[in-house]
N, C-alpha and C. Protein backbone atom coordinates (compact mmCIF):
# COMPACT_ATOMS: atom_id res chain seq x y z
N MET A 1 1.17 21.68 -1.11
CA MET A 1 1.25 21.16 -2.89
C MET A 1 0.57 19.80 -2.87
N ARG A 2 1.18 18.94 -1.98
CA ARG A 2 0.99 17.49 -2.22
C ARG A 2 -0.71 17.24 -1.72
N SER A 3 -1.26 17.82 -0.48
CA SER A 3 -2.31 17.86 -0.09
C SER A 3 -3.23 18.20 -1.33
N ARG A 4 -3.21 19.14 -1.94
CA ARG A 4 -3.70 19.75 -2.92
C ARG A 4 -3.90 18.71 -4.37
N ILE A 5 -2.75 18.15 -4.74
CA ILE A 5 -2.52 17.07 -5.60
C ILE A 5 -3.45 15.90 -5.29
N ARG A 6 -3.50 15.21 -3.85
CA ARG A 6 -4.25 14.54 -3.43
C ARG A 6 -5.60 14.66 -3.30
N PHE A 7 -6.35 15.87 -3.22
CA PHE A 7 -7.62 16.14 -3.19
C PHE A 7 -8.01 16.14 -4.53
N ALA A 8 -7.24 16.54 -5.26
CA ALA A 8 -7.60 16.88 -7.04
C ALA A 8 -7.60 15.28 -7.21
N VAL A 9 -7.00 14.30 -7.13
CA VAL A 9 -6.97 13.25 -7.51
C VAL A 9 -8.10 12.61 -7.17
N ALA A 10 -8.54 12.49 -5.43
CA ALA A 10 -9.88 12.38 -4.96
C ALA A 10 -10.74 12.55 -5.48
N LEU A 11 -10.94 14.14 -6.22
CA LEU A 11 -11.91 14.60 -6.35
C LEU A 11 -12.41 14.38 -7.70
N ALA A 12 -11.00 13.80 -8.72
CA ALA A 12 -11.24 13.19 -10.37
C ALA A 12 -12.13 11.94 -9.94
N LEU A 13 -11.76 11.39 -9.06
CA LEU A 13 -12.17 9.91 -9.11
C LEU A 13 -13.76 9.73 -8.57
N LEU A 14 -14.05 10.84 -7.68
CA LEU A 14 -15.53 10.98 -7.26
C LEU A 14 -16.52 11.40 -8.61
N LEU A 15 -15.92 12.20 -9.52
CA LEU A 15 -16.27 12.61 -10.64
C LEU A 15 -16.34 11.63 -11.63
N GLY A 16 -15.74 10.73 -11.61
CA GLY A 16 -15.61 9.61 -12.60
C GLY A 16 -14.50 9.73 -13.79
N SER A 17 -13.76 10.26 -13.03
CA SER A 17 -13.10 10.77 -14.39
C SER A 17 -11.51 9.79 -14.71
N LEU A 18 -11.51 8.82 -13.46
CA LEU A 18 -10.57 8.08 -13.59
C LEU A 18 -10.77 6.98 -13.80
N PRO A 19 -9.75 5.79 -14.47
CA PRO A 19 -10.12 4.56 -14.56
C PRO A 19 -10.98 3.74 -13.90
N GLY A 20 -10.56 3.56 -12.49
CA GLY A 20 -11.21 3.09 -11.42
C GLY A 20 -12.37 3.27 -11.09
N ALA A 21 -13.11 4.46 -11.80
CA ALA A 21 -14.18 4.78 -11.26
C ALA A 21 -15.86 3.83 -11.43
N SER A 22 -15.48 3.02 -12.02
CA SER A 22 -16.68 1.96 -12.15
C SER A 22 -16.46 0.93 -11.48
N ALA A 23 -17.45 1.20 -10.24
CA ALA A 23 -16.85 -0.18 -9.28
C ALA A 23 -17.72 -1.44 -9.91
N GLU A 24 -17.03 -2.50 -9.16
CA GLU A 24 -17.47 -3.92 -9.06
C GLU A 24 -18.81 -4.07 -8.69
N GLY A 25 -19.66 -4.13 -9.61
CA GLY A 25 -20.75 -4.58 -8.95
C GLY A 25 -21.66 -3.36 -8.24
N SER A 26 -21.04 -2.25 -8.26
CA SER A 26 -22.09 -1.10 -7.85
C SER A 26 -22.83 -0.74 -8.62
N ARG A 27 -24.19 -0.32 -8.03
CA ARG A 27 -25.17 -0.12 -8.71
C ARG A 27 -25.19 1.32 -9.31
N ARG A 28 -24.57 2.19 -8.49
CA ARG A 28 -24.27 3.61 -9.69
C ARG A 28 -22.75 4.13 -9.38
N SER A 29 -22.38 5.12 -10.26
CA SER A 29 -21.16 5.24 -10.57
C SER A 29 -21.05 6.13 -9.14
N ALA A 30 -19.51 6.66 -9.20
CA ALA A 30 -19.23 7.80 -8.19
C ALA A 30 -19.98 8.77 -8.58
N ALA A 31 -19.66 9.53 -9.94
CA ALA A 31 -20.35 10.78 -10.02
C ALA A 31 -21.84 10.77 -9.73
N GLU A 32 -22.78 9.76 -9.59
CA GLU A 32 -24.27 9.79 -9.20
C GLU A 32 -24.22 9.96 -7.83
N LEU A 33 -23.34 9.30 -7.10
CA LEU A 33 -23.30 9.15 -5.72
C LEU A 33 -22.76 10.35 -5.15
N MET A 34 -21.97 11.11 -5.75
CA MET A 34 -21.35 12.40 -5.48
C MET A 34 -22.60 13.67 -5.34
N ASP A 35 -23.10 13.21 -6.69
CA ASP A 35 -24.60 14.18 -7.40
C ASP A 35 -25.66 14.07 -6.06
N VAL A 36 -25.73 12.96 -5.30
CA VAL A 36 -26.76 12.52 -4.33
C VAL A 36 -26.38 13.44 -2.89
N LEU A 37 -24.75 13.40 -2.82
CA LEU A 37 -24.33 13.95 -1.64
C LEU A 37 -24.56 15.50 -1.60
N MET A 38 -24.27 16.23 -2.80
CA MET A 38 -23.96 17.27 -3.19
C MET A 38 -25.17 18.35 -3.01
N TRP A 39 -26.15 17.59 -3.31
CA TRP A 39 -27.24 18.20 -3.53
C TRP A 39 -28.89 17.26 -2.35
N ASN A 40 -27.99 16.67 -1.83
CA ASN A 40 -28.95 16.41 -0.62
C ASN A 40 -30.13 15.59 -1.37
N ARG A 41 -29.75 14.63 -2.35
CA ARG A 41 -31.08 14.41 -3.22
C ARG A 41 -31.72 13.23 -2.67
N GLU A 42 -31.33 12.44 -1.59
CA GLU A 42 -31.98 11.16 -0.89
C GLU A 42 -31.09 11.29 0.23
N PRO A 43 -31.97 10.34 1.19
CA PRO A 43 -31.55 10.25 2.51
C PRO A 43 -29.86 9.41 2.63
N VAL A 44 -29.33 10.15 3.58
CA VAL A 44 -27.94 9.62 3.79
C VAL A 44 -27.58 9.46 5.03
N GLY A 45 -27.10 8.19 5.38
CA GLY A 45 -27.37 7.65 6.69
C GLY A 45 -28.14 6.72 6.75
N GLY A 46 -28.04 5.92 7.90
CA GLY A 46 -29.02 5.18 8.64
C GLY A 46 -28.95 3.90 9.30
N PRO A 47 -29.26 2.73 9.14
CA PRO A 47 -29.32 1.87 10.39
C PRO A 47 -28.08 1.03 9.92
N PHE A 48 -27.64 0.32 10.77
CA PHE A 48 -26.24 -0.43 10.54
C PHE A 48 -25.75 -1.34 11.81
N ALA A 49 -25.14 -2.63 11.48
CA ALA A 49 -24.97 -3.45 12.42
C ALA A 49 -23.79 -3.98 12.28
N LEU A 50 -22.58 -3.56 12.99
CA LEU A 50 -21.13 -3.59 12.55
C LEU A 50 -20.55 -4.31 13.91
N THR A 51 -19.19 -4.50 13.89
CA THR A 51 -18.76 -4.81 14.99
C THR A 51 -17.56 -3.79 15.53
N ASP A 52 -17.55 -3.56 16.55
CA ASP A 52 -16.43 -2.58 16.94
C ASP A 52 -15.06 -3.12 16.93
N HIS A 53 -14.35 -2.37 16.89
CA HIS A 53 -12.70 -2.94 17.48
C HIS A 53 -12.62 -3.30 19.07
N ASP A 54 -13.41 -3.62 19.62
CA ASP A 54 -13.55 -4.54 21.09
C ASP A 54 -14.68 -5.92 20.87
N GLY A 55 -14.98 -6.05 19.79
CA GLY A 55 -15.49 -7.29 19.12
C GLY A 55 -17.00 -7.23 19.84
N ARG A 56 -17.37 -5.69 20.27
CA ARG A 56 -18.66 -5.73 20.39
C ARG A 56 -19.85 -5.62 19.36
N LEU A 57 -21.27 -5.75 19.02
CA LEU A 57 -22.01 -5.51 18.10
C LEU A 57 -22.56 -3.97 18.33
N ARG A 58 -22.19 -3.16 17.12
CA ARG A 58 -22.81 -1.76 17.47
C ARG A 58 -23.61 -1.52 16.18
N THR A 59 -24.97 -0.87 16.78
CA THR A 59 -25.60 0.03 15.83
C THR A 59 -25.90 1.27 15.99
N GLU A 60 -26.48 1.82 14.92
CA GLU A 60 -26.53 3.55 14.94
C GLU A 60 -27.02 3.88 16.44
N THR A 61 -28.20 3.35 17.05
CA THR A 61 -28.68 3.74 18.08
C THR A 61 -27.80 4.09 19.39
N ASP A 62 -26.52 2.89 19.05
CA ASP A 62 -25.59 3.40 20.43
C ASP A 62 -25.22 4.45 20.48
N PHE A 63 -25.01 5.53 19.36
CA PHE A 63 -24.70 6.79 19.18
C PHE A 63 -25.64 7.79 19.40
N ARG A 64 -27.01 7.60 19.97
CA ARG A 64 -27.37 8.70 19.83
C ARG A 64 -27.51 9.69 20.96
N GLY A 65 -27.65 10.90 20.72
CA GLY A 65 -27.34 11.86 21.77
C GLY A 65 -26.22 12.51 21.32
N ARG A 66 -25.11 12.21 20.50
CA ARG A 66 -24.00 13.00 20.19
C ARG A 66 -24.09 12.93 18.74
N LEU A 67 -23.13 14.04 18.21
CA LEU A 67 -22.99 14.22 16.84
C LEU A 67 -21.88 13.10 16.42
N LEU A 68 -21.80 12.66 15.12
CA LEU A 68 -21.24 11.60 14.76
C LEU A 68 -20.54 12.17 13.52
N ILE A 69 -19.18 11.51 13.54
CA ILE A 69 -18.01 12.35 12.42
C ILE A 69 -17.80 10.56 11.93
N VAL A 70 -18.58 10.56 10.63
CA VAL A 70 -18.14 9.26 10.41
C VAL A 70 -17.64 9.11 8.90
N TYR A 71 -16.38 8.31 9.05
CA TYR A 71 -14.85 8.28 8.24
C TYR A 71 -14.90 6.71 7.42
N PHE A 72 -15.58 6.53 6.16
CA PHE A 72 -15.01 4.95 5.61
C PHE A 72 -13.38 5.30 4.81
N GLY A 73 -12.94 3.90 4.99
CA GLY A 73 -11.83 4.08 4.37
C GLY A 73 -11.10 2.71 5.01
N TYR A 74 -10.20 2.45 5.06
CA TYR A 74 -9.16 1.00 5.05
C TYR A 74 -8.00 1.41 5.75
N THR A 75 -7.24 0.47 6.47
CA THR A 75 -6.15 0.79 7.32
C THR A 75 -5.12 0.61 6.20
N HIS A 76 -4.68 0.19 5.36
CA HIS A 76 -3.72 -0.43 4.43
C HIS A 76 -3.80 1.02 3.19
N CYS A 77 -4.16 2.07 3.73
CA CYS A 77 -4.65 3.52 2.92
C CYS A 77 -3.32 4.01 2.97
N PRO A 78 -2.46 4.32 1.79
CA PRO A 78 -1.67 4.86 1.67
C PRO A 78 -1.20 6.15 2.11
N ASP A 79 -2.29 6.78 1.97
CA ASP A 79 -2.02 8.55 2.48
C ASP A 79 -3.25 9.46 2.94
N VAL A 80 -4.74 9.02 1.83
CA VAL A 80 -5.66 9.80 2.02
C VAL A 80 -6.69 9.26 3.25
N CYS A 81 -6.79 8.26 3.87
CA CYS A 81 -7.30 7.98 4.71
C CYS A 81 -6.69 8.43 6.23
N PRO A 82 -5.36 8.12 6.31
CA PRO A 82 -4.64 8.94 7.46
C PRO A 82 -4.36 10.00 7.83
N THR A 83 -4.54 10.88 6.56
CA THR A 83 -4.50 12.26 6.55
C THR A 83 -5.75 12.87 7.00
N ASP A 84 -6.80 12.13 6.51
CA ASP A 84 -8.09 12.66 7.27
C ASP A 84 -8.35 12.28 8.83
N LEU A 85 -7.82 11.39 9.18
CA LEU A 85 -8.00 10.74 10.58
C LEU A 85 -7.36 11.64 11.60
N MET A 86 -5.72 12.13 10.76
CA MET A 86 -5.54 13.00 11.62
C MET A 86 -6.16 14.28 11.81
N GLU A 87 -6.31 14.58 10.82
CA GLU A 87 -7.06 15.83 11.07
C GLU A 87 -8.91 15.86 12.09
N ILE A 88 -9.60 14.76 11.96
CA ILE A 88 -10.69 14.72 12.50
C ILE A 88 -9.82 14.62 13.96
N ALA A 89 -8.81 13.94 14.50
CA ALA A 89 -7.99 13.96 15.49
C ALA A 89 -7.94 15.19 15.84
N ARG A 90 -7.23 16.16 15.17
CA ARG A 90 -6.97 17.09 15.72
C ARG A 90 -8.06 18.03 16.06
N ALA A 91 -9.01 17.70 15.33
CA ALA A 91 -10.38 18.72 15.65
C ALA A 91 -10.85 18.42 16.79
N LEU A 92 -11.01 16.97 17.32
CA LEU A 92 -11.01 16.74 18.37
C LEU A 92 -10.30 17.22 19.77
N THR A 93 -9.06 17.14 19.55
CA THR A 93 -8.22 17.91 20.38
C THR A 93 -8.55 19.08 20.83
N ILE A 94 -8.43 19.87 19.52
CA ILE A 94 -8.61 21.42 19.70
C ILE A 94 -9.61 21.33 20.79
N LEU A 95 -11.06 20.84 20.69
CA LEU A 95 -12.28 20.93 21.37
C LEU A 95 -12.17 20.75 22.53
N GLY A 96 -11.35 19.91 22.87
CA GLY A 96 -11.02 19.66 24.29
C GLY A 96 -12.22 19.25 25.05
N SER A 97 -12.39 19.31 25.94
CA SER A 97 -13.53 18.47 26.71
C SER A 97 -15.14 18.80 25.77
N GLU A 98 -15.36 19.96 25.08
CA GLU A 98 -16.36 19.88 24.34
C GLU A 98 -16.61 19.09 23.23
N GLY A 99 -15.42 17.98 22.84
CA GLY A 99 -14.96 16.87 21.81
C GLY A 99 -16.15 15.92 22.59
N GLU A 100 -16.54 15.92 23.50
CA GLU A 100 -16.99 14.55 24.20
C GLU A 100 -18.34 14.68 23.42
N ALA A 101 -18.78 15.65 23.15
CA ALA A 101 -20.31 15.37 22.72
C ALA A 101 -20.09 15.07 21.12
N ILE A 102 -19.02 14.60 20.65
CA ILE A 102 -18.78 14.25 19.12
C ILE A 102 -18.14 12.72 19.51
N GLN A 103 -18.95 11.58 18.46
CA GLN A 103 -18.25 10.13 18.37
C GLN A 103 -17.51 10.38 17.09
N PRO A 104 -16.16 10.23 16.76
CA PRO A 104 -16.05 9.70 15.63
C PRO A 104 -16.17 8.01 15.21
N LEU A 105 -16.33 7.83 14.30
CA LEU A 105 -16.30 6.30 13.87
C LEU A 105 -15.33 6.19 12.60
N PHE A 106 -14.94 5.00 12.46
CA PHE A 106 -14.19 4.68 11.12
C PHE A 106 -14.50 3.54 10.62
N VAL A 107 -15.34 3.12 9.60
CA VAL A 107 -16.10 2.23 9.04
C VAL A 107 -15.03 1.79 8.04
N THR A 108 -14.33 0.38 8.00
CA THR A 108 -13.52 0.00 7.23
C THR A 108 -14.39 -0.57 5.65
N LEU A 109 -13.66 -0.39 4.87
CA LEU A 109 -14.30 -0.84 3.05
C LEU A 109 -13.22 -2.14 3.12
N ASP A 110 -12.46 -2.55 3.85
CA ASP A 110 -11.76 -3.68 4.06
C ASP A 110 -11.90 -4.95 5.01
N PRO A 111 -13.16 -5.00 5.08
CA PRO A 111 -13.12 -6.21 6.31
C PRO A 111 -12.40 -7.52 6.44
N GLU A 112 -11.76 -8.02 5.38
CA GLU A 112 -11.04 -9.12 5.29
C GLU A 112 -10.10 -8.74 6.13
N ARG A 113 -9.21 -7.39 5.67
CA ARG A 113 -7.86 -7.22 6.59
C ARG A 113 -8.24 -6.41 7.80
N ASP A 114 -9.37 -5.66 7.70
CA ASP A 114 -9.50 -4.71 8.88
C ASP A 114 -10.01 -5.67 10.27
N THR A 115 -9.64 -6.57 10.88
CA THR A 115 -10.27 -7.09 12.10
C THR A 115 -10.41 -6.41 13.12
N PRO A 116 -11.48 -6.59 13.91
CA PRO A 116 -11.42 -5.90 15.40
C PRO A 116 -9.98 -5.48 15.55
N GLU A 117 -9.13 -7.01 15.78
CA GLU A 117 -7.61 -6.57 16.15
C GLU A 117 -7.05 -5.97 15.78
N HIS A 118 -7.12 -6.21 14.46
CA HIS A 118 -6.04 -4.86 13.52
C HIS A 118 -6.47 -3.42 13.92
N LEU A 119 -7.90 -3.21 13.78
CA LEU A 119 -8.70 -1.73 14.24
C LEU A 119 -7.84 -1.40 15.16
N ARG A 120 -8.03 -2.48 16.51
CA ARG A 120 -7.68 -1.91 17.90
C ARG A 120 -6.30 -1.47 18.00
N GLU A 121 -5.35 -2.17 17.11
CA GLU A 121 -3.65 -1.81 17.19
C GLU A 121 -3.74 -0.61 16.28
N TYR A 122 -4.85 0.00 15.31
CA TYR A 122 -4.27 1.10 14.31
C TYR A 122 -4.74 2.29 14.44
N LEU A 123 -6.40 2.25 15.47
CA LEU A 123 -7.01 3.55 15.50
C LEU A 123 -6.33 4.42 16.73
N PRO A 124 -5.55 4.08 17.61
CA PRO A 124 -4.86 4.82 18.71
C PRO A 124 -3.81 5.35 18.23
N ASN A 125 -3.51 4.95 17.01
CA ASN A 125 -2.28 6.22 16.60
C ASN A 125 -2.73 7.61 16.11
N PHE A 126 -4.01 7.46 16.14
CA PHE A 126 -4.86 8.72 15.68
C PHE A 126 -5.84 9.56 17.03
N HIS A 127 -6.64 8.95 17.96
CA HIS A 127 -7.31 9.50 18.75
C HIS A 127 -7.94 7.93 19.65
N PRO A 128 -7.56 8.42 21.04
CA PRO A 128 -8.41 7.12 21.77
C PRO A 128 -9.90 6.96 21.80
N ARG A 129 -10.55 8.14 21.17
CA ARG A 129 -11.89 7.90 21.25
C ARG A 129 -12.57 7.51 19.96
N LEU A 130 -11.95 7.26 18.97
CA LEU A 130 -12.28 6.94 17.69
C LEU A 130 -12.44 5.29 17.80
N ILE A 131 -13.64 5.13 17.35
CA ILE A 131 -14.58 3.64 17.50
C ILE A 131 -14.09 2.96 15.99
N GLY A 132 -13.47 2.13 15.69
CA GLY A 132 -13.49 1.44 14.51
C GLY A 132 -14.77 0.38 14.17
N LEU A 133 -15.43 0.12 12.95
CA LEU A 133 -16.02 -0.81 12.95
C LEU A 133 -15.86 -1.69 11.56
N THR A 134 -16.33 -2.88 11.96
CA THR A 134 -15.60 -3.89 10.69
C THR A 134 -17.08 -4.86 10.91
N GLY A 135 -16.83 -5.74 10.16
CA GLY A 135 -17.73 -6.76 9.99
C GLY A 135 -17.99 -7.47 8.84
N ASP A 136 -19.15 -8.42 8.59
CA ASP A 136 -18.69 -9.17 7.02
C ASP A 136 -19.07 -8.55 6.03
N ARG A 137 -18.67 -8.71 4.86
CA ARG A 137 -18.72 -7.98 3.69
C ARG A 137 -20.18 -7.39 3.35
N ALA A 138 -21.17 -8.17 3.96
CA ALA A 138 -22.53 -7.56 3.57
C ALA A 138 -22.67 -6.89 4.70
N ALA A 139 -22.67 -6.82 5.54
CA ALA A 139 -22.83 -5.43 6.72
C ALA A 139 -22.39 -4.48 6.52
N MET A 140 -21.06 -4.42 5.62
CA MET A 140 -20.21 -3.44 5.38
C MET A 140 -21.26 -2.63 4.30
N GLU A 141 -21.11 -3.63 3.45
CA GLU A 141 -21.40 -2.75 1.79
C GLU A 141 -23.09 -2.47 2.28
N ARG A 142 -24.15 -2.93 3.32
CA ARG A 142 -25.12 -2.07 3.63
C ARG A 142 -24.80 -0.70 4.16
N ALA A 143 -23.64 -0.55 4.99
CA ALA A 143 -23.58 0.64 5.70
C ALA A 143 -22.98 1.65 5.05
N ALA A 144 -22.14 1.26 3.55
CA ALA A 144 -21.72 1.97 2.78
C ALA A 144 -22.55 2.24 1.71
N ASP A 145 -23.79 1.50 1.59
CA ASP A 145 -25.15 1.78 0.56
C ASP A 145 -25.49 3.07 1.35
N ALA A 146 -25.88 2.85 2.46
CA ALA A 146 -26.68 3.90 3.43
C ALA A 146 -26.11 5.19 3.67
N TYR A 147 -24.81 5.35 2.88
CA TYR A 147 -23.74 6.47 3.38
C TYR A 147 -23.72 6.95 2.09
N ARG A 148 -24.09 6.47 0.79
CA ARG A 148 -23.84 6.71 -0.80
C ARG A 148 -22.15 6.48 -0.74
N VAL A 149 -21.47 5.35 -0.17
CA VAL A 149 -19.72 5.39 -0.56
C VAL A 149 -19.67 4.62 -1.41
N PHE A 150 -18.84 4.93 -2.70
CA PHE A 150 -18.21 4.47 -3.56
C PHE A 150 -16.85 3.64 -3.14
N HIS A 151 -16.64 2.50 -3.45
CA HIS A 151 -15.51 1.97 -3.43
C HIS A 151 -15.55 0.74 -4.77
N GLU A 152 -14.31 0.12 -4.87
CA GLU A 152 -13.68 -0.72 -5.66
C GLU A 152 -12.43 -1.15 -5.16
N ARG A 153 -12.29 -2.09 -4.84
CA ARG A 153 -11.35 -2.96 -4.90
C ARG A 153 -10.44 -3.14 -6.04
N ILE A 154 -9.00 -3.02 -6.24
CA ILE A 154 -8.15 -3.05 -7.32
C ILE A 154 -6.97 -3.95 -6.76
N ALA A 155 -7.04 -5.08 -7.46
CA ALA A 155 -6.10 -6.26 -7.09
C ALA A 155 -4.71 -5.73 -7.75
N ARG A 156 -3.56 -5.66 -6.64
CA ARG A 156 -2.35 -5.41 -7.40
C ARG A 156 -1.17 -6.35 -6.74
N PRO A 157 -0.18 -6.37 -7.46
CA PRO A 157 0.50 -7.44 -7.29
C PRO A 157 1.38 -7.43 -5.53
N GLU A 158 1.58 -5.95 -5.39
CA GLU A 158 1.81 -5.89 -4.24
C GLU A 158 0.96 -5.83 -2.57
N GLY A 159 -0.08 -6.06 -3.37
CA GLY A 159 -1.54 -5.84 -2.18
C GLY A 159 -2.59 -5.02 -2.92
N ASP A 160 -3.57 -5.64 -2.54
CA ASP A 160 -4.65 -5.13 -3.12
C ASP A 160 -5.12 -3.31 -2.31
N THR A 161 -5.57 -2.44 -3.60
CA THR A 161 -5.78 -1.20 -3.02
C THR A 161 -7.40 -1.21 -3.08
N ILE A 162 -8.36 -0.22 -2.18
CA ILE A 162 -9.21 0.25 -2.85
C ILE A 162 -9.55 1.81 -3.06
N ASP A 163 -10.21 1.88 -4.20
CA ASP A 163 -10.51 3.32 -4.45
C ASP A 163 -11.60 3.70 -4.20
N HIS A 164 -11.50 4.58 -3.38
CA HIS A 164 -13.24 4.89 -2.65
C HIS A 164 -13.27 6.63 -2.56
N SER A 165 -14.36 6.86 -2.21
CA SER A 165 -14.91 8.43 -2.00
C SER A 165 -14.30 8.46 -0.40
N ALA A 166 -13.87 9.60 -0.45
CA ALA A 166 -13.08 9.93 1.14
C ALA A 166 -13.81 11.05 2.02
N PHE A 167 -15.30 10.89 1.64
CA PHE A 167 -15.75 11.97 2.59
C PHE A 167 -16.02 12.07 3.97
N ILE A 168 -16.09 13.21 4.78
CA ILE A 168 -16.27 13.15 6.28
C ILE A 168 -17.25 13.26 6.38
N TYR A 169 -18.57 12.46 7.22
CA TYR A 169 -19.66 12.69 7.26
C TYR A 169 -19.75 13.50 9.10
N LEU A 170 -20.96 14.19 8.82
CA LEU A 170 -21.43 14.91 10.09
C LEU A 170 -22.72 14.56 10.08
N MET A 171 -23.19 14.24 11.28
CA MET A 171 -24.46 13.49 11.38
C MET A 171 -25.01 13.85 12.95
N ASP A 172 -26.15 14.50 13.07
CA ASP A 172 -26.63 15.05 14.21
C ASP A 172 -26.91 14.12 15.31
N ARG A 173 -27.66 14.66 16.48
CA ARG A 173 -27.51 13.76 17.49
C ARG A 173 -28.99 12.72 17.51
N ALA A 174 -29.50 12.60 16.43
CA ALA A 174 -30.82 11.77 15.96
C ALA A 174 -30.22 11.12 14.97
N GLY A 175 -29.11 11.22 14.67
CA GLY A 175 -28.43 9.89 13.19
C GLY A 175 -28.96 10.81 12.08
N GLY A 176 -29.48 12.42 11.90
CA GLY A 176 -29.63 12.81 10.67
C GLY A 176 -28.25 13.36 9.93
N TYR A 177 -28.56 13.27 8.88
CA TYR A 177 -27.54 14.15 7.76
C TYR A 177 -27.08 15.21 7.80
N LEU A 178 -26.06 16.09 8.30
CA LEU A 178 -25.57 17.21 8.34
C LEU A 178 -24.90 17.83 6.91
N GLY A 179 -24.26 16.60 6.87
CA GLY A 179 -23.49 17.15 5.40
C GLY A 179 -22.03 16.83 5.56
N PHE A 180 -21.11 16.96 4.59
CA PHE A 180 -19.90 16.32 4.22
C PHE A 180 -18.60 17.36 4.46
N PHE A 181 -17.32 16.73 4.78
CA PHE A 181 -16.30 17.65 4.64
C PHE A 181 -15.57 16.74 3.21
N PRO A 182 -14.98 17.43 1.99
CA PRO A 182 -14.09 16.79 1.26
C PRO A 182 -12.64 16.30 2.07
N PRO A 183 -12.64 15.18 1.28
CA PRO A 183 -11.25 14.98 1.92
C PRO A 183 -9.75 16.33 1.73
N GLY A 184 -9.10 16.11 2.79
CA GLY A 184 -7.95 16.92 2.94
C GLY A 184 -8.86 18.25 3.81
N THR A 185 -9.64 18.52 3.97
CA THR A 185 -9.87 19.43 5.14
C THR A 185 -9.69 19.16 6.25
N SER A 186 -9.04 20.64 6.62
CA SER A 186 -8.49 20.68 7.80
C SER A 186 -9.34 20.82 9.16
N ALA A 187 -8.75 20.64 10.28
CA ALA A 187 -9.31 20.22 11.35
C ALA A 187 -10.15 21.74 11.84
N GLU A 188 -9.24 23.14 11.41
CA GLU A 188 -10.14 24.16 11.62
C GLU A 188 -10.83 24.59 11.00
N ARG A 189 -11.05 24.09 9.62
CA ARG A 189 -12.00 24.27 8.93
C ARG A 189 -13.57 23.40 9.21
N MET A 190 -13.09 22.02 9.62
CA MET A 190 -14.02 21.30 10.25
C MET A 190 -14.65 21.87 11.17
N LEU A 191 -14.05 22.32 12.41
CA LEU A 191 -14.66 23.38 13.66
C LEU A 191 -15.51 24.46 13.07
N THR A 192 -15.22 25.31 12.33
CA THR A 192 -16.41 26.22 11.72
C THR A 192 -17.65 25.66 11.44
N ILE A 193 -17.74 24.29 11.09
CA ILE A 193 -19.01 24.25 10.63
C ILE A 193 -19.73 23.30 12.30
N ILE A 194 -18.62 22.22 13.01
CA ILE A 194 -19.07 21.53 13.60
C ILE A 194 -19.62 22.37 15.10
N ARG A 195 -18.66 23.75 15.26
CA ARG A 195 -18.94 24.40 16.61
C ARG A 195 -20.77 24.49 16.42
N PRO A 196 -21.13 25.37 15.66
CA PRO A 196 -22.35 25.95 15.34
C PRO A 196 -23.28 24.41 16.35
N HIS A 197 -23.01 23.48 15.70
CA HIS A 197 -23.71 22.24 16.03
C HIS A 197 -23.82 21.68 17.47
N LEU A 198 -22.76 21.96 18.12
CA LEU A 198 -22.26 21.64 19.57
C LEU A 198 -23.30 22.37 20.30
N ALA A 199 -23.53 23.89 20.20
CA ALA A 199 -24.70 24.45 20.61
C ALA A 199 -25.83 23.97 20.90
N ILE A 200 -26.47 23.41 19.99
CA ILE A 200 -27.55 22.83 19.65
C ILE A 200 -27.89 21.53 20.53
N ARG A 201 -28.88 21.76 21.19
CA ARG A 201 -29.35 20.39 22.31
C ARG A 201 -30.97 20.30 21.83
């Protein structure tokens, strides 16, 4: 029940029906970006240059030859991000050695707090092969724009939060967009879509 509520809230945000749905300086609304993803109206994905959790500069070309699972979020997220990361990790664990053909990426929407050092401490809680990516705000914004990610920082006395779309992107071995999983998708459901792509070389 709780996961269904979280999904309903996330979907409502994506459709632009919650107060936080108009982003600070975003060129398009959450509903417009969701429309792009749902109907494949524009290219999704593309070049990025971000710093990984070991301090190395990484670009999209570093991951050619493997399927990519790409997730945008932030480490201070209270529920949706860790839940989705756990399901991504569970999918990789279920695949076992087959999972070596997949590279999971976590791209932060909160680069000021999510430093390489912090990501290096946080991500092993989910899966050892998960790579965290951060950088300056301009580099993060370029990556988020390429993947049509809605995000908005909300200032709160107890600490800032970030309203954001929580799609799990699946990219092919050449970096092409295959589709997305909505927030709350189980590992088993992901694998029904991912497994056929593992057989394609």
